[in-house]
Amino acid sequence: MSGKLYIVGTPIGNLADMTFRAVETLKAVDFIAAEDTRVTKKLLLHFDIKKPLVSYHEHNRKYVGDGIAERILGGESCAVVTDAGMPCISDPGEDLVKLCAERGIPIEVVPGPSAAVSALAISGLDASKFAFEGFLSTAPSSRRQTLERVANEEHTVIFYEAPHKLVSTLNDLYKYFGERKISICREMTKLHEEVIRTTLSSAVNLYDDETNKPRGEFVLVIEGRKEPPKAELSLSEAVLKAEELINGGARAAEACREIAKISGFSKSKLYSALLAKKG
């Protein structure tokens, strides 16, 4: 196993989900790069694995990563693990993999559980197309830009969220997404696993008092935007509605674009009909 980086997935809660291959890989490598060595030590102890650990996390990755890569280039093998689930998914392991790939280091993945995919599977929502957004930024401008962008996506959207930020995030989701179905997945695979399938309007009221504070780690799975039903309008009726918007202050192009969404007529057809009527 010399000179290779192994991306090793670990359980997201239930230690019984650890794969045989993952255990054998961790036993065989020369050292392990761990997000939190205290968490990984417990995992290794459970499976009777005795290997040196290197602390590799968000705050030291820029200077520790080079050292790890140099050791691998020198002939050692390394497994990178995160606290739970797959490394690189909302995790600094992503940077180590990029660094090793740039240096021509062989990389092998040992797949394991993923909270995002597990929550999607149990959500009851459309799983054919989805986008994983990770944790929302706490910076107001970045947060707003992300929510405005994904609010218009028609596929299922997945977020991670910490308990102390959950209430504000649910309120923001309702503000930008409007009424949608949502599955609130808590403590996946753990003793107190819970899945609440509800709507955003109901979700904002779930944790509104001291007796029901959010606890544990959350995965939020939200259905995509649904296309509004096309209204049964004639071309002349659609033009009249466009004129109403124009009289309200909208530009002609904007008015035609909005009415195109509900009429079934293209923006260009409406615009041409509007010009013909004026002419």
Protein backbone atom coordinates (compact mmCIF):
# COMPACT_ATOMS: atom_id res chain seq x y z
CA MET A 1 0.00 0.00 0.00
CA SER A 2 2.96 2.31 -0.42
CA GLY A 3 2.69 5.79 -1.88
CA LYS A 4 -1.08 6.15 -2.07
CA LEU A 5 -3.88 8.23 -0.54
CA TYR A 6 -7.06 6.40 0.49
CA ILE A 7 -10.35 8.28 0.90
CA VAL A 8 -12.15 6.23 3.53
CA GLY A 9 -15.83 6.64 4.37
CA THR A 10 -16.80 6.04 8.00
CA PRO A 11 -20.20 5.65 9.72
CA ILE A 12 -22.39 8.72 10.16
CA GLY A 13 -23.71 7.41 13.47
CA ASN A 14 -24.16 3.66 13.60
CA LEU A 15 -20.78 1.90 13.89
CA ALA A 16 -22.32 -1.24 12.37
CA ASP A 17 -22.29 0.61 9.04
CA MET A 18 -18.47 0.43 8.91
CA THR A 19 -17.48 -1.69 5.91
CA PHE A 20 -15.04 -4.57 6.03
CA ARG A 21 -12.92 -2.91 3.36
CA ALA A 22 -12.75 0.33 5.36
CA VAL A 23 -11.50 -1.54 8.45
CA GLU A 24 -8.91 -3.46 6.45
CA THR A 25 -7.69 -0.27 4.74
CA LEU A 26 -7.27 1.61 8.03
CA LYS A 27 -5.34 -1.33 9.44
CA ALA A 28 -3.03 -1.46 6.43
CA VAL A 29 -2.06 2.21 5.88
CA ASP A 30 0.98 3.80 7.50
CA PHE A 31 -0.91 6.73 9.00
CA ILE A 32 -4.36 8.37 9.08
CA ALA A 33 -5.23 12.02 8.45
CA ALA A 34 -8.25 12.82 10.64
CA GLU A 35 -10.49 15.89 10.92
CA ASP A 36 -10.75 15.43 14.70
CA THR A 37 -8.29 12.94 16.15
CA ARG A 38 -10.40 12.53 19.29
CA VAL A 39 -13.37 11.30 17.27
CA THR A 40 -11.25 9.05 15.08
CA LYS A 41 -9.48 7.53 18.11
CA LYS A 42 -12.85 6.25 19.36
CA LEU A 43 -13.57 4.69 15.98
CA LEU A 44 -10.14 3.04 15.81
CA LEU A 45 -10.45 1.74 19.36
CA HIS A 46 -13.80 0.13 18.55
CA PHE A 47 -12.27 -1.80 15.64
CA ASP A 48 -8.94 -2.45 17.39
CA ILE A 49 -6.94 -0.39 14.90
CA LYS A 50 -3.62 1.03 16.05
CA LYS A 51 -2.27 3.62 13.65
CA PRO A 52 -0.60 7.04 14.03
CA LEU A 53 -2.94 9.99 13.50
CA VAL A 54 -2.27 13.35 11.86
CA SER A 55 -4.64 16.21 12.64
CA TYR A 56 -5.92 17.61 9.35
CA HIS A 57 -8.82 20.06 9.49
CA GLU A 58 -10.22 23.33 8.13
CA HIS A 59 -7.86 25.54 10.12
CA ASN A 60 -4.56 23.78 9.44
CA ARG A 61 -5.09 22.20 6.02
CA LYS A 62 -2.99 24.77 4.14
CA TYR A 63 0.24 23.87 5.92
CA VAL A 64 -0.42 20.28 7.04
CA GLY A 65 -1.50 19.10 3.58
CA ASP A 66 1.96 19.62 2.08
CA GLY A 67 3.54 17.48 4.79
CA ILE A 68 1.05 14.67 4.21
CA ALA A 69 1.68 14.76 0.45
CA GLU A 70 5.45 14.68 0.98
CA ARG A 71 5.16 11.63 3.21
CA ILE A 72 3.09 9.83 0.58
CA LEU A 73 5.58 10.77 -2.15
CA GLY A 74 8.23 9.33 0.13
CA GLY A 75 6.51 5.94 0.00
CA GLU A 76 4.05 5.98 2.90
CA SER A 77 0.34 5.27 2.55
CA CYS A 78 -2.30 7.52 4.12
CA ALA A 79 -6.03 7.25 4.75
CA VAL A 80 -8.00 10.47 5.06
CA VAL A 81 -11.16 10.30 7.20
CA THR A 82 -13.70 12.81 8.39
CA ASP A 83 -15.62 12.82 11.68
CA ALA A 84 -18.53 11.03 10.01
CA GLY A 85 -19.39 9.96 6.49
CA MET A 86 -17.46 10.55 3.29
CA PRO A 87 -14.38 12.80 3.32
CA CYS A 88 -14.47 15.73 0.86
CA ILE A 89 -18.24 16.29 1.23
CA SER A 90 -18.44 19.63 3.10
CA ASP A 91 -15.06 18.62 4.47
CA PRO A 92 -11.42 19.81 4.11
CA GLY A 93 -10.43 16.37 2.76
CA GLU A 94 -11.40 17.84 -0.61
CA ASP A 95 -8.27 20.02 -0.56
CA LEU A 96 -5.98 17.12 0.31
CA VAL A 97 -7.35 15.09 -2.60
CA LYS A 98 -6.81 18.03 -4.99
CA LEU A 99 -3.26 18.50 -3.71
CA CYS A 100 -2.41 14.83 -4.16
CA ALA A 101 -4.00 14.73 -7.61
CA GLU A 102 -1.91 17.74 -8.69
CA ARG A 103 1.26 15.96 -7.54
CA GLY A 104 0.44 12.74 -9.35
CA ILE A 105 -0.16 10.74 -6.17
CA PRO A 106 -2.35 7.64 -6.68
CA ILE A 107 -5.74 7.99 -4.97
CA GLU A 108 -8.26 5.29 -4.12
CA VAL A 109 -11.73 5.68 -2.65
CA VAL A 110 -13.24 3.34 -0.06
CA PRO A 111 -16.91 4.38 -0.13
CA GLY A 112 -19.07 4.65 2.94
CA PRO A 113 -22.25 6.29 4.25
CA SER A 114 -23.31 9.82 3.31
CA ALA A 115 -25.80 11.81 5.37
CA ALA A 116 -26.96 13.78 2.32
CA VAL A 117 -27.74 10.74 0.16
CA SER A 118 -29.22 8.81 3.08
CA ALA A 119 -31.56 11.70 3.87
CA LEU A 120 -32.54 12.02 0.22
CA ALA A 121 -33.35 8.31 0.04
CA ILE A 122 -35.65 8.45 3.08
CA SER A 123 -37.17 11.87 2.34
CA GLY A 124 -39.98 10.69 0.10
CA LEU A 125 -39.12 13.47 -2.37
CA ASP A 126 -37.89 13.22 -5.97
CA ALA A 127 -34.45 11.58 -5.91
CA SER A 128 -33.88 11.43 -9.68
CA LYS A 129 -32.20 14.86 -9.78
CA PHE A 130 -30.84 16.78 -6.82
CA ALA A 131 -28.30 19.39 -5.75
CA PHE A 132 -26.29 19.24 -2.54
CA GLU A 133 -25.56 22.74 -1.19
CA GLY A 134 -23.89 21.84 2.11
CA PHE A 135 -24.10 24.44 4.89
CA LEU A 136 -25.56 27.86 4.11
CA SER A 137 -23.19 30.77 4.64
CA THR A 138 -23.83 32.95 7.67
CA ALA A 139 -22.69 36.03 5.69
CA PRO A 140 -25.94 37.84 4.75
CA SER A 141 -25.02 38.68 1.15
CA SER A 142 -23.66 35.21 0.33
CA ARG A 143 -26.60 33.55 2.05
CA ARG A 144 -29.09 35.66 0.09
CA GLN A 145 -27.36 34.97 -3.23
CA THR A 146 -27.41 31.22 -2.63
CA LEU A 147 -31.07 31.16 -1.65
CA GLU A 148 -32.10 33.33 -4.59
CA ARG A 149 -30.21 31.03 -6.96
CA VAL A 150 -31.47 27.68 -5.69
CA ALA A 151 -35.05 28.89 -5.16
CA ASN A 152 -35.61 28.65 -8.91
CA GLU A 153 -34.14 25.16 -9.33
CA GLU A 154 -36.63 22.47 -10.30
CA HIS A 155 -34.66 19.60 -8.74
CA THR A 156 -34.56 18.58 -5.09
CA VAL A 157 -32.17 20.64 -2.93
CA ILE A 158 -30.25 19.38 0.11
CA PHE A 159 -28.71 21.43 2.92
CA TYR A 160 -26.85 20.54 6.10
CA GLU A 161 -27.62 22.57 9.22
CA ALA A 162 -26.50 22.79 12.83
CA PRO A 163 -29.16 22.84 15.58
CA HIS A 164 -28.48 26.41 16.76
CA LYS A 165 -28.99 27.75 13.21
CA LEU A 166 -31.95 25.59 12.20
CA VAL A 167 -34.79 27.99 13.07
CA SER A 168 -33.33 30.93 11.16
CA THR A 169 -32.57 28.69 8.18
CA LEU A 170 -36.12 27.32 8.04
CA ASN A 171 -37.46 30.88 8.12
CA ASP A 172 -35.12 31.91 5.30
CA LEU A 173 -36.08 28.89 3.23
CA TYR A 174 -39.76 29.75 3.56
CA LYS A 175 -39.02 33.38 2.72
CA TYR A 176 -37.17 32.58 -0.51
CA PHE A 177 -38.76 29.29 -1.57
CA GLY A 178 -42.37 29.88 -0.60
CA GLU A 179 -44.54 26.86 0.14
CA ARG A 180 -42.71 23.61 -0.59
CA LYS A 181 -42.50 20.11 0.78
CA ILE A 182 -39.54 19.52 3.09
CA SER A 183 -38.12 16.52 4.90
CA ILE A 184 -36.25 17.43 8.08
CA CYS A 185 -33.87 14.54 8.77
CA ARG A 186 -32.22 14.50 12.18
CA GLU A 187 -29.43 12.31 13.59
CA MET A 188 -29.32 9.94 10.62
CA THR A 189 -28.62 6.27 11.57
CA LYS A 190 -28.29 7.19 15.27
CA LEU A 191 -30.43 6.14 18.21
CA HIS A 192 -32.71 9.19 17.96
CA GLU A 193 -33.03 9.28 14.16
CA GLU A 194 -36.08 11.27 13.12
CA VAL A 195 -37.61 12.24 9.78
CA ILE A 196 -40.30 14.92 9.67
CA ARG A 197 -42.05 15.18 6.30
CA THR A 198 -43.92 18.46 6.22
CA THR A 199 -44.14 21.82 4.41
CA LEU A 200 -41.99 24.90 4.85
CA SER A 201 -44.87 26.90 6.29
CA SER A 202 -45.38 24.26 8.97
CA ALA A 203 -41.64 23.73 9.50
CA VAL A 204 -41.06 27.31 10.67
CA ASN A 205 -43.37 26.66 13.62
CA LEU A 206 -41.91 23.32 14.71
CA TYR A 207 -39.22 24.76 16.99
CA ASP A 208 -40.83 27.92 18.31
CA ASP A 209 -40.69 27.36 22.07
CA GLU A 210 -38.32 26.33 24.83
CA THR A 211 -39.80 22.83 25.08
CA ASN A 212 -38.87 21.81 21.52
CA LYS A 213 -35.37 23.07 20.86
CA PRO A 214 -33.50 21.60 17.86
CA ARG A 215 -31.00 18.94 18.91
CA GLY A 216 -28.53 16.97 16.85
CA GLU A 217 -27.34 17.40 13.27
CA PHE A 218 -29.87 18.08 10.52
CA VAL A 219 -30.19 17.37 6.81
CA LEU A 220 -32.87 19.42 5.06
CA VAL A 221 -34.32 18.02 1.84
CA ILE A 222 -36.56 20.46 -0.06
CA GLU A 223 -38.58 19.76 -3.18
CA GLY A 224 -37.75 21.70 -6.32
CA ARG A 225 -39.78 24.54 -7.76
CA LYS A 226 -42.89 23.44 -9.56
CA GLU A 227 -43.80 25.02 -12.87
CA PRO A 228 -46.99 27.10 -12.49
CA PRO A 229 -49.93 25.74 -14.48
CA LYS A 230 -50.44 27.44 -17.81
CA ALA A 231 -53.52 29.60 -17.81
CA GLU A 232 -56.03 29.11 -20.61
CA LEU A 233 -55.71 32.53 -22.25
CA SER A 234 -56.26 33.67 -25.79
CA LEU A 235 -53.55 35.79 -27.40
CA SER A 236 -55.67 38.94 -27.08
CA GLU A 237 -56.31 38.22 -23.37
CA ALA A 238 -52.61 37.67 -22.80
CA VAL A 239 -51.81 40.99 -24.50
CA LEU A 240 -54.33 42.75 -22.27
CA LYS A 241 -52.63 41.35 -19.19
CA ALA A 242 -49.28 42.52 -20.49
CA GLU A 243 -50.74 45.98 -21.00
CA GLU A 244 -51.97 45.97 -17.40
CA LEU A 245 -48.43 45.36 -16.21
CA ILE A 246 -47.09 48.09 -18.47
CA ASN A 247 -49.67 50.54 -17.15
CA GLY A 248 -48.45 49.58 -13.68
CA GLY A 249 -44.92 50.66 -14.53
CA ALA A 250 -43.33 47.55 -16.07
CA ARG A 251 -41.31 47.75 -19.27
CA ALA A 252 -42.85 46.05 -22.31
CA ALA A 253 -40.18 43.31 -22.41
CA GLU A 254 -40.62 42.57 -18.71
CA ALA A 255 -44.40 42.47 -19.02
CA CYS A 256 -44.24 40.04 -21.94
CA ARG A 257 -41.79 37.81 -20.10
CA GLU A 258 -44.06 37.58 -17.05
CA ILE A 259 -47.21 36.88 -19.05
CA ALA A 260 -45.37 34.26 -21.11
CA LYS A 261 -44.95 32.25 -17.91
CA ILE A 262 -48.71 31.90 -17.42
CA SER A 263 -50.12 32.06 -20.92
CA GLY A 264 -48.24 29.49 -22.95
CA PHE A 265 -47.35 32.11 -25.56
CA SER A 266 -43.70 32.98 -26.10
CA LYS A 267 -42.31 36.32 -25.03
CA SER A 268 -41.53 37.23 -28.65
CA LYS A 269 -45.05 36.38 -29.83
CA LEU A 270 -46.58 38.51 -27.10
CA TYR A 271 -44.21 41.38 -27.84
CA SER A 272 -45.03 41.25 -31.56
CA ALA A 273 -48.77 41.19 -30.83
CA LEU A 274 -48.35 44.11 -28.44
CA LEU A 275 -46.52 46.18 -31.08
CA ALA A 276 -49.10 45.23 -33.73
CA LYS A 277 -51.91 46.39 -31.48
CA LYS A 278 -50.22 49.72 -30.84
CA GLY A 279 -49.48 50.14 -34.54
